[in-house]
Amino acid sequence: MSDRSGFNIIAVDGGAATGKSSTSRAIAERLNLMHVDTGAHYRTLTFALLDAGADPEAPDVIPTVLKSLKLDTTIKGRSALLSINGDVPADADIRSPQVNANVSKFAAIESVREFLFNYQRSQAQVARDQAEFSGLIMEGRDIGSIIFPSADFRFFLFADEATRAARRAKDGQTDSIAERDKLDSQRKAAPLVCPEGAIRVDTGPLPLEGVVEHICGIITA
């Protein structure tokens, strides 16, 4: 999906605590890219749905709630943040225990994923419209498989469960890695998979800088 100006789209996928966010942000800084965290999209939408009284156990009523929500983008530094009805929730709000307990449940609902699909794809044009960026790096669980299957570069990050659990604990998160993996990989709508042809990167044995160097080396080769 690159164009003649050299604009690149980079997809970074992986399970919880595989280092997607820290790696993607560091790459965005190094290569002058706009960074999009689609995990934060689902967290922000989960926060809004819960605030509106929606329940992931009652998916039939969720489309009606979604119709009341208007999506937009707020640029903050190199990050493109999802705003809903003109508001970008605080990071503490979208990472609360209540959101942690429900985000994978909402993300497994087809109407929720369809609601975000076109918005997430539109972020490539948002990045192009911001003259200071040379491309887009988007992270999540279905970027290389569903959102941008023809991205210029597609990476899939992974690490062993113990390493990932330790990372979550360090960040103050208490949700189960195994349960998140099960929900993400077994959902019917856009399950977490390693996209065919994606470059697999084991983030367990490498420090962040090593992961960033490895991926940037591939992109700029």
N, C-alpha and C. Protein backbone atom coordinates (compact mmCIF):
# COMPACT_ATOMS: atom_id res chain seq x y z
N MET A 1 0.81 -1.21 0.00
CA MET A 1 0.00 0.00 0.00
C MET A 1 0.85 1.27 0.00
N SER A 2 2.09 1.18 -0.39
CA SER A 2 2.91 2.38 -0.46
C SER A 2 2.54 3.17 -1.71
N ASP A 3 2.77 4.49 -1.69
CA ASP A 3 2.52 5.28 -2.88
C ASP A 3 3.83 5.87 -3.37
N ARG A 4 3.77 6.70 -4.41
CA ARG A 4 4.99 7.18 -5.03
C ARG A 4 5.80 8.10 -4.11
N SER A 5 5.16 8.64 -3.10
CA SER A 5 5.88 9.51 -2.19
C SER A 5 6.65 8.71 -1.14
N GLY A 6 6.51 7.38 -1.17
CA GLY A 6 7.21 6.55 -0.20
C GLY A 6 6.44 6.33 1.08
N PHE A 7 5.16 6.68 1.10
CA PHE A 7 4.31 6.49 2.27
C PHE A 7 4.13 5.00 2.52
N ASN A 8 4.48 4.54 3.73
CA ASN A 8 4.38 3.12 4.07
C ASN A 8 3.32 2.87 5.13
N ILE A 9 2.62 1.75 5.00
CA ILE A 9 1.70 1.27 6.02
C ILE A 9 2.32 0.03 6.65
N ILE A 10 2.45 0.07 7.97
CA ILE A 10 3.10 -1.02 8.71
C ILE A 10 2.09 -1.58 9.70
N ALA A 11 1.84 -2.89 9.61
CA ALA A 11 0.89 -3.57 10.49
C ALA A 11 1.65 -4.36 11.54
N VAL A 12 1.27 -4.18 12.80
CA VAL A 12 1.89 -4.91 13.91
C VAL A 12 0.80 -5.61 14.71
N ASP A 13 0.83 -6.95 14.70
CA ASP A 13 -0.16 -7.74 15.41
C ASP A 13 0.49 -8.56 16.51
N GLY A 14 -0.34 -9.08 17.41
CA GLY A 14 0.15 -9.94 18.47
C GLY A 14 -0.82 -9.96 19.63
N GLY A 15 -0.65 -10.92 20.52
CA GLY A 15 -1.50 -11.03 21.69
C GLY A 15 -1.18 -10.00 22.75
N ALA A 16 -1.88 -10.10 23.87
CA ALA A 16 -1.67 -9.17 24.98
C ALA A 16 -0.24 -9.26 25.51
N ALA A 17 0.34 -8.10 25.79
CA ALA A 17 1.66 -8.00 26.44
C ALA A 17 2.79 -8.60 25.60
N THR A 18 2.64 -8.59 24.29
CA THR A 18 3.74 -9.02 23.43
C THR A 18 4.65 -7.86 23.05
N GLY A 19 4.30 -6.66 23.49
CA GLY A 19 5.14 -5.50 23.23
C GLY A 19 4.71 -4.67 22.04
N LYS A 20 3.48 -4.85 21.58
CA LYS A 20 3.01 -4.14 20.39
C LYS A 20 3.07 -2.62 20.56
N SER A 21 2.55 -2.13 21.68
CA SER A 21 2.44 -0.68 21.86
C SER A 21 3.80 -0.01 22.02
N SER A 22 4.62 -0.53 22.93
CA SER A 22 5.93 0.10 23.15
C SER A 22 6.79 0.00 21.90
N THR A 23 6.73 -1.12 21.21
CA THR A 23 7.51 -1.28 19.99
C THR A 23 7.01 -0.34 18.90
N SER A 24 5.70 -0.29 18.69
CA SER A 24 5.14 0.54 17.63
C SER A 24 5.39 2.02 17.88
N ARG A 25 5.27 2.45 19.13
CA ARG A 25 5.53 3.85 19.43
C ARG A 25 7.00 4.21 19.16
N ALA A 26 7.91 3.32 19.54
CA ALA A 26 9.33 3.58 19.32
C ALA A 26 9.66 3.62 17.83
N ILE A 27 9.05 2.73 17.06
CA ILE A 27 9.26 2.73 15.61
C ILE A 27 8.68 3.99 14.98
N ALA A 28 7.50 4.41 15.45
CA ALA A 28 6.89 5.64 14.95
C ALA A 28 7.80 6.83 15.18
N GLU A 29 8.43 6.89 16.34
CA GLU A 29 9.34 7.98 16.66
C GLU A 29 10.56 7.95 15.75
N ARG A 30 11.11 6.77 15.57
CA ARG A 30 12.34 6.64 14.78
C ARG A 30 12.11 6.90 13.29
N LEU A 31 10.98 6.44 12.76
CA LEU A 31 10.75 6.52 11.31
C LEU A 31 9.73 7.60 10.92
N ASN A 32 9.34 8.43 11.88
CA ASN A 32 8.43 9.55 11.61
C ASN A 32 7.08 9.07 11.08
N LEU A 33 6.46 8.16 11.81
CA LEU A 33 5.18 7.57 11.41
C LEU A 33 4.07 8.03 12.35
N MET A 34 2.85 8.02 11.84
CA MET A 34 1.70 8.22 12.71
C MET A 34 1.37 6.88 13.35
N HIS A 35 1.18 6.86 14.66
CA HIS A 35 0.94 5.62 15.40
C HIS A 35 -0.53 5.49 15.77
N VAL A 36 -1.09 4.31 15.49
CA VAL A 36 -2.49 4.02 15.85
C VAL A 36 -2.53 2.73 16.66
N ASP A 37 -3.08 2.83 17.85
CA ASP A 37 -3.24 1.68 18.75
C ASP A 37 -4.70 1.24 18.69
N THR A 38 -5.00 0.19 17.93
CA THR A 38 -6.40 -0.23 17.81
C THR A 38 -6.90 -0.92 19.08
N GLY A 39 -5.98 -1.41 19.90
CA GLY A 39 -6.40 -1.92 21.20
C GLY A 39 -7.04 -0.81 22.02
N ALA A 40 -6.46 0.39 21.92
CA ALA A 40 -7.04 1.55 22.61
C ALA A 40 -8.39 1.92 22.00
N HIS A 41 -8.56 1.67 20.69
CA HIS A 41 -9.87 1.90 20.07
C HIS A 41 -10.94 1.06 20.76
N TYR A 42 -10.63 -0.23 20.93
CA TYR A 42 -11.61 -1.12 21.55
C TYR A 42 -11.82 -0.79 23.02
N ARG A 43 -10.78 -0.35 23.68
CA ARG A 43 -10.92 0.06 25.07
C ARG A 43 -11.79 1.33 25.17
N THR A 44 -11.53 2.28 24.28
CA THR A 44 -12.30 3.52 24.28
C THR A 44 -13.76 3.24 23.98
N LEU A 45 -14.01 2.37 23.00
CA LEU A 45 -15.38 2.03 22.65
C LEU A 45 -16.05 1.24 23.78
N THR A 46 -15.29 0.35 24.42
CA THR A 46 -15.84 -0.39 25.56
C THR A 46 -16.24 0.56 26.68
N PHE A 47 -15.39 1.54 26.96
CA PHE A 47 -15.69 2.54 27.98
C PHE A 47 -17.00 3.27 27.64
N ALA A 48 -17.14 3.66 26.36
CA ALA A 48 -18.34 4.39 25.93
C ALA A 48 -19.58 3.49 26.00
N LEU A 49 -19.44 2.24 25.60
CA LEU A 49 -20.58 1.31 25.63
C LEU A 49 -21.03 1.04 27.07
N LEU A 50 -20.07 0.81 27.95
CA LEU A 50 -20.43 0.59 29.35
C LEU A 50 -21.10 1.83 29.94
N ASP A 51 -20.57 2.99 29.58
CA ASP A 51 -21.13 4.25 30.08
C ASP A 51 -22.57 4.44 29.61
N ALA A 52 -22.86 3.87 28.42
CA ALA A 52 -24.22 3.98 27.87
C ALA A 52 -25.13 2.86 28.36
N GLY A 53 -24.59 1.98 29.22
CA GLY A 53 -25.40 0.91 29.77
C GLY A 53 -25.43 -0.36 28.95
N ALA A 54 -24.57 -0.47 27.93
CA ALA A 54 -24.55 -1.68 27.10
C ALA A 54 -23.91 -2.83 27.85
N ASP A 55 -24.31 -4.04 27.47
CA ASP A 55 -23.84 -5.26 28.12
C ASP A 55 -23.35 -6.22 27.04
N PRO A 56 -22.10 -6.70 27.11
CA PRO A 56 -21.63 -7.62 26.07
C PRO A 56 -22.40 -8.93 26.04
N GLU A 57 -23.14 -9.24 27.10
CA GLU A 57 -23.96 -10.45 27.13
C GLU A 57 -25.30 -10.24 26.42
N ALA A 58 -25.58 -9.00 25.98
CA ALA A 58 -26.81 -8.70 25.25
C ALA A 58 -26.45 -8.02 23.94
N PRO A 59 -25.78 -8.74 23.03
CA PRO A 59 -25.25 -8.13 21.80
C PRO A 59 -26.31 -7.61 20.85
N ASP A 60 -27.53 -8.11 20.93
CA ASP A 60 -28.56 -7.69 19.98
C ASP A 60 -28.91 -6.21 20.11
N VAL A 61 -28.71 -5.64 21.29
CA VAL A 61 -29.08 -4.22 21.49
C VAL A 61 -27.90 -3.29 21.23
N ILE A 62 -26.71 -3.85 21.06
CA ILE A 62 -25.51 -3.02 20.91
C ILE A 62 -25.54 -2.17 19.63
N PRO A 63 -26.00 -2.69 18.47
CA PRO A 63 -26.04 -1.83 17.28
C PRO A 63 -26.82 -0.54 17.48
N THR A 64 -27.88 -0.59 18.27
CA THR A 64 -28.67 0.62 18.55
C THR A 64 -27.84 1.63 19.33
N VAL A 65 -27.06 1.15 20.30
CA VAL A 65 -26.19 2.05 21.07
C VAL A 65 -25.11 2.62 20.17
N LEU A 66 -24.54 1.80 19.28
CA LEU A 66 -23.47 2.26 18.41
C LEU A 66 -23.91 3.41 17.51
N LYS A 67 -25.18 3.40 17.11
CA LYS A 67 -25.69 4.46 16.23
C LYS A 67 -25.62 5.83 16.89
N SER A 68 -25.55 5.86 18.21
CA SER A 68 -25.51 7.15 18.92
C SER A 68 -24.08 7.67 19.09
N LEU A 69 -23.10 6.90 18.62
CA LEU A 69 -21.69 7.25 18.83
C LEU A 69 -21.05 7.75 17.55
N LYS A 70 -20.44 8.92 17.58
CA LYS A 70 -19.75 9.49 16.43
C LYS A 70 -18.25 9.40 16.65
N LEU A 71 -17.55 8.81 15.69
CA LEU A 71 -16.11 8.61 15.80
C LEU A 71 -15.33 9.71 15.08
N ASP A 72 -14.23 10.10 15.68
CA ASP A 72 -13.34 11.08 15.05
C ASP A 72 -11.92 10.81 15.55
N THR A 73 -10.96 11.55 15.02
CA THR A 73 -9.55 11.34 15.36
C THR A 73 -8.95 12.61 15.93
N THR A 74 -8.22 12.47 17.02
CA THR A 74 -7.46 13.57 17.62
C THR A 74 -5.99 13.21 17.55
N ILE A 75 -5.19 14.08 16.95
CA ILE A 75 -3.75 13.84 16.85
C ILE A 75 -3.06 14.44 18.08
N LYS A 76 -2.30 13.61 18.77
CA LYS A 76 -1.53 14.06 19.92
C LYS A 76 -0.10 13.57 19.75
N GLY A 77 0.79 14.48 19.40
CA GLY A 77 2.16 14.07 19.09
C GLY A 77 2.16 13.21 17.85
N ARG A 78 2.66 11.98 17.95
CA ARG A 78 2.63 11.05 16.83
C ARG A 78 1.46 10.07 16.90
N SER A 79 0.65 10.19 17.93
CA SER A 79 -0.44 9.24 18.13
C SER A 79 -1.77 9.79 17.62
N ALA A 80 -2.52 8.93 16.92
CA ALA A 80 -3.87 9.26 16.49
C ALA A 80 -4.84 8.59 17.46
N LEU A 81 -5.57 9.40 18.22
CA LEU A 81 -6.44 8.88 19.27
C LEU A 81 -7.89 8.91 18.82
N LEU A 82 -8.64 7.89 19.19
CA LEU A 82 -10.07 7.83 18.88
C LEU A 82 -10.83 8.72 19.85
N SER A 83 -11.63 9.61 19.28
CA SER A 83 -12.56 10.39 20.11
C SER A 83 -13.97 9.94 19.78
N ILE A 84 -14.82 9.87 20.79
CA ILE A 84 -16.20 9.46 20.62
C ILE A 84 -17.11 10.58 21.10
N ASN A 85 -17.94 11.06 20.19
CA ASN A 85 -18.81 12.21 20.48
C ASN A 85 -18.00 13.38 21.01
N GLY A 86 -16.80 13.56 20.41
CA GLY A 86 -15.95 14.70 20.73
C GLY A 86 -15.08 14.54 21.95
N ASP A 87 -15.07 13.37 22.55
CA ASP A 87 -14.32 13.17 23.80
C ASP A 87 -13.29 12.05 23.66
N VAL A 88 -12.07 12.31 24.15
CA VAL A 88 -11.04 11.28 24.26
C VAL A 88 -10.92 10.93 25.74
N PRO A 89 -11.36 9.74 26.16
CA PRO A 89 -11.30 9.39 27.58
C PRO A 89 -9.86 9.35 28.09
N ALA A 90 -9.70 9.56 29.38
CA ALA A 90 -8.38 9.48 30.00
C ALA A 90 -7.87 8.04 29.93
N ASP A 91 -6.56 7.89 29.85
CA ASP A 91 -5.96 6.56 29.76
C ASP A 91 -6.36 5.69 30.95
N ALA A 92 -6.44 6.31 32.13
CA ALA A 92 -6.83 5.55 33.33
C ALA A 92 -8.25 4.99 33.19
N ASP A 93 -9.12 5.72 32.51
CA ASP A 93 -10.50 5.26 32.34
C ASP A 93 -10.59 4.06 31.41
N ILE A 94 -9.82 4.07 30.33
CA ILE A 94 -9.93 2.95 29.37
C ILE A 94 -9.09 1.74 29.79
N ARG A 95 -8.36 1.88 30.89
CA ARG A 95 -7.59 0.74 31.42
C ARG A 95 -8.04 0.37 32.83
N SER A 96 -9.25 0.73 33.15
CA SER A 96 -9.82 0.41 34.46
C SER A 96 -10.13 -1.08 34.54
N PRO A 97 -10.28 -1.63 35.75
CA PRO A 97 -10.64 -3.05 35.87
C PRO A 97 -11.93 -3.41 35.14
N GLN A 98 -12.90 -2.49 35.13
CA GLN A 98 -14.16 -2.77 34.46
C GLN A 98 -13.97 -2.90 32.95
N VAL A 99 -13.18 -2.00 32.37
CA VAL A 99 -12.89 -2.09 30.94
C VAL A 99 -12.06 -3.33 30.65
N ASN A 100 -11.04 -3.59 31.48
CA ASN A 100 -10.21 -4.80 31.29
C ASN A 100 -11.07 -6.07 31.25
N ALA A 101 -12.09 -6.12 32.08
CA ALA A 101 -12.92 -7.31 32.18
C ALA A 101 -13.89 -7.48 31.01
N ASN A 102 -14.11 -6.39 30.26
CA ASN A 102 -15.13 -6.44 29.21
C ASN A 102 -14.63 -6.20 27.80
N VAL A 103 -13.41 -5.68 27.64
CA VAL A 103 -12.97 -5.27 26.31
C VAL A 103 -12.91 -6.43 25.33
N SER A 104 -12.39 -7.58 25.73
CA SER A 104 -12.32 -8.72 24.81
C SER A 104 -13.72 -9.25 24.48
N LYS A 105 -14.66 -9.12 25.41
CA LYS A 105 -16.03 -9.58 25.18
C LYS A 105 -16.70 -8.70 24.13
N PHE A 106 -16.54 -7.38 24.26
CA PHE A 106 -17.11 -6.47 23.26
C PHE A 106 -16.39 -6.65 21.92
N ALA A 107 -15.07 -6.83 21.96
CA ALA A 107 -14.29 -6.95 20.73
C ALA A 107 -14.65 -8.20 19.95
N ALA A 108 -15.24 -9.19 20.61
CA ALA A 108 -15.63 -10.43 19.93
C ALA A 108 -16.97 -10.31 19.23
N ILE A 109 -17.67 -9.19 19.43
CA ILE A 109 -19.00 -9.00 18.85
C ILE A 109 -18.87 -8.42 17.45
N GLU A 110 -19.45 -9.07 16.47
CA GLU A 110 -19.27 -8.69 15.07
C GLU A 110 -19.70 -7.25 14.79
N SER A 111 -20.80 -6.80 15.37
CA SER A 111 -21.27 -5.44 15.11
C SER A 111 -20.29 -4.40 15.63
N VAL A 112 -19.58 -4.71 16.71
CA VAL A 112 -18.58 -3.79 17.26
C VAL A 112 -17.39 -3.70 16.32
N ARG A 113 -16.93 -4.84 15.81
CA ARG A 113 -15.79 -4.84 14.90
C ARG A 113 -16.14 -4.15 13.58
N GLU A 114 -17.36 -4.40 13.09
CA GLU A 114 -17.79 -3.74 11.86
C GLU A 114 -17.88 -2.22 12.04
N PHE A 115 -18.29 -1.81 13.23
CA PHE A 115 -18.41 -0.38 13.53
C PHE A 115 -17.06 0.32 13.44
N LEU A 116 -15.99 -0.37 13.83
CA LEU A 116 -14.65 0.24 13.83
C LEU A 116 -13.89 0.00 12.53
N PHE A 117 -14.32 -0.94 11.70
CA PHE A 117 -13.55 -1.34 10.53
C PHE A 117 -13.22 -0.18 9.60
N ASN A 118 -14.22 0.52 9.09
CA ASN A 118 -13.97 1.61 8.16
C ASN A 118 -13.21 2.76 8.81
N TYR A 119 -13.51 3.01 10.09
CA TYR A 119 -12.77 4.06 10.80
C TYR A 119 -11.29 3.72 10.85
N GLN A 120 -10.97 2.49 11.20
CA GLN A 120 -9.56 2.11 11.30
C GLN A 120 -8.86 2.18 9.95
N ARG A 121 -9.51 1.73 8.91
CA ARG A 121 -8.93 1.84 7.57
C ARG A 121 -8.71 3.30 7.17
N SER A 122 -9.60 4.18 7.62
CA SER A 122 -9.50 5.60 7.25
C SER A 122 -8.28 6.27 7.84
N GLN A 123 -7.64 5.64 8.82
CA GLN A 123 -6.49 6.27 9.46
C GLN A 123 -5.29 6.39 8.51
N ALA A 124 -5.27 5.58 7.45
CA ALA A 124 -4.21 5.74 6.45
C ALA A 124 -4.33 7.11 5.79
N GLN A 125 -5.55 7.51 5.46
CA GLN A 125 -5.74 8.82 4.84
C GLN A 125 -5.49 9.94 5.84
N VAL A 126 -5.86 9.71 7.10
CA VAL A 126 -5.55 10.71 8.13
C VAL A 126 -4.05 10.95 8.19
N ALA A 127 -3.27 9.87 8.16
CA ALA A 127 -1.81 10.00 8.20
C ALA A 127 -1.28 10.73 6.96
N ARG A 128 -1.85 10.41 5.79
CA ARG A 128 -1.42 11.08 4.56
C ARG A 128 -1.74 12.57 4.61
N ASP A 129 -2.86 12.91 5.24
CA ASP A 129 -3.27 14.32 5.32
C ASP A 129 -2.41 15.13 6.26
N GLN A 130 -1.69 14.44 7.16
CA GLN A 130 -0.78 15.13 8.08
C GLN A 130 0.59 15.15 7.41
N ALA A 131 0.98 16.27 6.87
CA ALA A 131 2.17 16.35 6.02
C ALA A 131 3.45 15.93 6.73
N GLU A 132 3.45 15.99 8.06
CA GLU A 132 4.69 15.69 8.78
C GLU A 132 5.00 14.19 8.88
N PHE A 133 4.02 13.32 8.57
CA PHE A 133 4.25 11.89 8.72
C PHE A 133 4.66 11.24 7.40
N SER A 134 5.59 10.29 7.50
CA SER A 134 6.04 9.57 6.30
C SER A 134 5.32 8.24 6.13
N GLY A 135 4.40 7.93 7.03
CA GLY A 135 3.66 6.68 6.92
C GLY A 135 2.82 6.45 8.15
N LEU A 136 2.26 5.23 8.23
CA LEU A 136 1.37 4.84 9.31
C LEU A 136 1.84 3.52 9.90
N ILE A 137 1.88 3.43 11.23
CA ILE A 137 2.09 2.15 11.89
C ILE A 137 0.88 1.90 12.77
N MET A 138 0.20 0.79 12.51
CA MET A 138 -1.02 0.46 13.24
C MET A 138 -0.84 -0.89 13.93
N GLU A 139 -1.20 -0.94 15.20
CA GLU A 139 -1.03 -2.16 15.99
C GLU A 139 -2.38 -2.70 16.45
N GLY A 140 -2.42 -4.02 16.62
CA GLY A 140 -3.65 -4.63 17.10
C GLY A 140 -3.60 -6.13 17.00
N ARG A 141 -4.75 -6.73 16.72
CA ARG A 141 -4.85 -8.18 16.64
C ARG A 141 -5.35 -8.67 15.28
N ASP A 142 -5.78 -7.74 14.43
CA ASP A 142 -6.26 -8.14 13.11
C ASP A 142 -5.81 -7.16 12.02
N ILE A 143 -4.72 -6.47 12.27
CA ILE A 143 -4.30 -5.42 11.32
C ILE A 143 -3.79 -6.03 10.02
N GLY A 144 -2.85 -6.96 10.13
CA GLY A 144 -2.30 -7.58 8.94
C GLY A 144 -3.22 -8.58 8.28
N SER A 145 -4.22 -9.06 9.02
CA SER A 145 -5.13 -10.07 8.47
C SER A 145 -6.42 -9.47 7.92
N ILE A 146 -6.93 -8.39 8.55
CA ILE A 146 -8.24 -7.85 8.19
C ILE A 146 -8.18 -6.38 7.76
N ILE A 147 -7.58 -5.54 8.57
CA ILE A 147 -7.63 -4.10 8.31
C ILE A 147 -6.74 -3.71 7.13
N PHE A 148 -5.47 -4.11 7.18
CA PHE A 148 -4.54 -3.81 6.08
C PHE A 148 -3.81 -5.08 5.65
N PRO A 149 -4.52 -6.02 5.00
CA PRO A 149 -3.87 -7.26 4.57
C PRO A 149 -2.81 -7.06 3.50
N SER A 150 -2.82 -5.89 2.84
CA SER A 150 -1.82 -5.59 1.81
C SER A 150 -0.85 -4.51 2.29
N ALA A 151 -0.69 -4.39 3.60
CA ALA A 151 0.25 -3.41 4.15
C ALA A 151 1.65 -3.66 3.59
N ASP A 152 2.46 -2.61 3.53
CA ASP A 152 3.82 -2.73 3.02
C ASP A 152 4.65 -3.68 3.87
N PHE A 153 4.43 -3.65 5.18
CA PHE A 153 5.14 -4.54 6.11
C PHE A 153 4.14 -5.05 7.14
N ARG A 154 4.18 -6.36 7.42
CA ARG A 154 3.30 -6.96 8.42
C ARG A 154 4.16 -7.77 9.38
N PHE A 155 4.03 -7.44 10.66
CA PHE A 155 4.80 -8.12 11.71
C PHE A 155 3.84 -8.75 12.70
N PHE A 156 4.25 -9.91 13.25
CA PHE A 156 3.47 -10.57 14.29
C PHE A 156 4.39 -10.80 15.48
N LEU A 157 4.11 -10.11 16.60
CA LEU A 157 4.93 -10.22 17.80
C LEU A 157 4.38 -11.31 18.72
N PHE A 158 5.29 -12.03 19.36
CA PHE A 158 4.87 -13.06 20.30
C PHE A 158 5.92 -13.19 21.41
N ALA A 159 5.54 -13.82 22.51
CA ALA A 159 6.44 -14.09 23.64
C ALA A 159 5.77 -15.17 24.49
N ASP A 160 6.57 -15.84 25.32
CA ASP A 160 5.98 -16.89 26.15
C ASP A 160 5.05 -16.29 27.20
N GLU A 161 4.13 -17.12 27.70
CA GLU A 161 3.08 -16.63 28.60
C GLU A 161 3.64 -16.05 29.89
N ALA A 162 4.69 -16.65 30.44
CA ALA A 162 5.25 -16.15 31.70
C ALA A 162 5.82 -14.74 31.53
N THR A 163 6.52 -14.51 30.43
CA THR A 163 7.07 -13.18 30.15
C THR A 163 5.96 -12.16 30.02
N ARG A 164 4.92 -12.53 29.31
CA ARG A 164 3.82 -11.61 29.08
C ARG A 164 3.06 -11.32 30.37
N ALA A 165 2.87 -12.34 31.21
CA ALA A 165 2.18 -12.14 32.49
C ALA A 165 2.98 -11.19 33.38
N ALA A 166 4.30 -11.33 33.36
CA ALA A 166 5.15 -10.45 34.16
C ALA A 166 5.04 -9.01 33.67
N ARG A 167 4.96 -8.83 32.37
CA ARG A 167 4.81 -7.48 31.81
C ARG A 167 3.49 -6.86 32.24
N ARG A 168 2.42 -7.66 32.20
CA ARG A 168 1.12 -7.15 32.60
C ARG A 168 1.12 -6.75 34.07
N ALA A 169 1.74 -7.58 34.90
CA ALA A 169 1.80 -7.28 36.33
C ALA A 169 2.59 -6.00 36.58
N LYS A 170 3.67 -5.81 35.84
CA LYS A 170 4.49 -4.61 35.98
C LYS A 170 3.69 -3.36 35.63
N ASP A 171 2.78 -3.49 34.67
CA ASP A 171 1.94 -2.37 34.25
C ASP A 171 0.70 -2.21 35.13
N GLY A 172 0.58 -3.08 36.15
CA GLY A 172 -0.56 -2.97 37.06
C GLY A 172 -1.83 -3.59 36.53
N GLN A 173 -1.73 -4.43 35.48
CA GLN A 173 -2.90 -5.09 34.91
C GLN A 173 -3.06 -6.47 35.53
N THR A 174 -4.29 -6.84 35.86
CA THR A 174 -4.52 -8.09 36.58
C THR A 174 -5.31 -9.13 35.77
N ASP A 175 -5.66 -8.80 34.51
CA ASP A 175 -6.44 -9.76 33.74
C ASP A 175 -5.56 -10.94 33.32
N SER A 176 -6.18 -12.09 33.05
CA SER A 176 -5.47 -13.31 32.73
C SER A 176 -5.01 -13.33 31.28
N ILE A 177 -3.70 -13.57 31.07
CA ILE A 177 -3.15 -13.68 29.73
C ILE A 177 -3.80 -14.85 28.99
N ALA A 178 -3.93 -15.98 29.66
CA ALA A 178 -4.51 -17.16 29.03
C ALA A 178 -5.95 -16.91 28.60
N GLU A 179 -6.71 -16.22 29.46
CA GLU A 179 -8.10 -15.95 29.13
C GLU A 179 -8.21 -14.97 27.96
N ARG A 180 -7.34 -13.94 27.95
CA ARG A 180 -7.33 -12.99 26.83
C ARG A 180 -7.00 -13.70 25.53
N ASP A 181 -5.99 -14.57 25.57
CA ASP A 181 -5.61 -15.32 24.36
C ASP A 181 -6.77 -16.17 23.85
N LYS A 182 -7.46 -16.83 24.77
CA LYS A 182 -8.58 -17.69 24.39
C LYS A 182 -9.69 -16.88 23.74
N LEU A 183 -10.05 -15.77 24.35
CA LEU A 183 -11.11 -14.93 23.80
C LEU A 183 -10.72 -14.36 22.44
N ASP A 184 -9.46 -13.90 22.33
CA ASP A 184 -9.01 -13.27 21.09
C ASP A 184 -8.87 -14.26 19.95
N SER A 185 -8.38 -15.45 20.24
CA SER A 185 -8.11 -16.42 19.18
C SER A 185 -9.32 -17.26 18.79
N GLN A 186 -10.32 -17.37 19.69
CA GLN A 186 -11.47 -18.21 19.41
C GLN A 186 -12.72 -17.44 19.00
N ARG A 187 -12.66 -16.11 19.01
CA ARG A 187 -13.84 -15.37 18.60
C ARG A 187 -14.10 -15.60 17.11
N LYS A 188 -15.38 -15.52 16.72
CA LYS A 188 -15.76 -15.75 15.33
C LYS A 188 -15.38 -14.57 14.44
N ALA A 189 -15.46 -13.36 14.99
CA ALA A 189 -15.18 -12.16 14.20
C ALA A 189 -13.70 -11.78 14.31
N ALA A 190 -12.98 -11.88 13.18
CA ALA A 190 -11.58 -11.46 13.10
C ALA A 190 -10.74 -12.00 14.25
N PRO A 191 -10.61 -13.30 14.38
CA PRO A 191 -9.80 -13.86 15.48
C PRO A 191 -8.33 -13.50 15.34
N LEU A 192 -7.63 -13.52 16.47
CA LEU A 192 -6.19 -13.27 16.45
C LEU A 192 -5.48 -14.42 15.76
N VAL A 193 -4.78 -14.11 14.68
CA VAL A 193 -3.99 -15.10 13.95
C VAL A 193 -2.70 -14.42 13.49
N CYS A 194 -1.71 -15.24 13.21
CA CYS A 194 -0.52 -14.71 12.54
C CYS A 194 -0.84 -14.68 11.06
N PRO A 195 -0.93 -13.49 10.45
CA PRO A 195 -1.28 -13.42 9.03
C PRO A 195 -0.28 -14.17 8.16
N GLU A 196 -0.78 -14.83 7.15
CA GLU A 196 0.11 -15.54 6.23
C GLU A 196 1.09 -14.56 5.60
N GLY A 197 2.37 -14.87 5.68
CA GLY A 197 3.39 -14.02 5.12
C GLY A 197 3.93 -12.96 6.06
N ALA A 198 3.31 -12.82 7.25
CA ALA A 198 3.80 -11.82 8.21
C ALA A 198 5.13 -12.28 8.80
N ILE A 199 5.94 -11.33 9.21
CA ILE A 199 7.24 -11.61 9.82
C ILE A 199 7.05 -11.79 11.32
N ARG A 200 7.36 -12.97 11.84
CA ARG A 200 7.21 -13.27 13.26
C ARG A 200 8.43 -12.75 14.03
N VAL A 201 8.16 -12.09 15.16
CA VAL A 201 9.24 -11.55 15.99
C VAL A 201 9.00 -11.96 17.44
N ASP A 202 9.94 -12.74 18.01
CA ASP A 202 9.86 -13.16 19.41
C ASP A 202 10.42 -12.04 20.28
N THR A 203 9.54 -11.38 21.04
CA THR A 203 9.96 -10.25 21.86
C THR A 203 10.40 -10.68 23.25
N GLY A 204 10.32 -11.99 23.55
CA GLY A 204 10.69 -12.46 24.88
C GLY A 204 12.15 -12.28 25.22
N PRO A 205 13.07 -12.78 24.39
CA PRO A 205 14.49 -12.73 24.75
C PRO A 205 15.17 -11.39 24.44
N LEU A 206 14.48 -10.49 23.75
CA LEU A 206 15.10 -9.23 23.33
C LEU A 206 14.60 -8.06 24.16
N PRO A 207 15.48 -7.10 24.49
CA PRO A 207 15.01 -5.85 25.10
C PRO A 207 14.25 -5.05 24.05
N LEU A 208 13.49 -4.07 24.48
CA LEU A 208 12.70 -3.26 23.55
C LEU A 208 13.57 -2.70 22.43
N GLU A 209 14.72 -2.15 22.78
CA GLU A 209 15.57 -1.55 21.77
C GLU A 209 16.00 -2.57 20.72
N GLY A 210 16.22 -3.81 21.16
CA GLY A 210 16.61 -4.85 20.22
C GLY A 210 15.48 -5.19 19.25
N VAL A 211 14.24 -5.23 19.76
CA VAL A 211 13.09 -5.49 18.90
C VAL A 211 12.93 -4.36 17.88
N VAL A 212 13.06 -3.13 18.36
CA VAL A 212 12.90 -1.97 17.49
C VAL A 212 13.98 -1.96 16.41
N GLU A 213 15.22 -2.23 16.80
CA GLU A 213 16.31 -2.26 15.83
C GLU A 213 16.06 -3.33 14.77
N HIS A 214 15.61 -4.49 15.19
CA HIS A 214 15.36 -5.58 14.27
C HIS A 214 14.30 -5.21 13.25
N ILE A 215 13.17 -4.67 13.72
CA ILE A 215 12.08 -4.34 12.82
C ILE A 215 12.43 -3.16 11.92
N CYS A 216 13.06 -2.14 12.48
CA CYS A 216 13.45 -0.98 11.66
C CYS A 216 14.45 -1.39 10.59
N GLY A 217 15.31 -2.34 10.91
CA GLY A 217 16.27 -2.83 9.94
C GLY A 217 15.58 -3.47 8.73
N ILE A 218 14.51 -4.18 9.00
CA ILE A 218 13.74 -4.80 7.92
C ILE A 218 13.03 -3.75 7.08
N ILE A 219 12.43 -2.77 7.74
CA ILE A 219 11.67 -1.74 7.04
C ILE A 219 12.57 -0.88 6.16
N THR A 220 13.73 -0.54 6.64
CA THR A 220 14.60 0.39 5.93
C THR A 220 15.63 -0.28 5.04
N ALA A 221 15.62 -1.61 5.00
CA ALA A 221 16.62 -2.33 4.18
C ALA A 221 16.47 -2.02 2.70
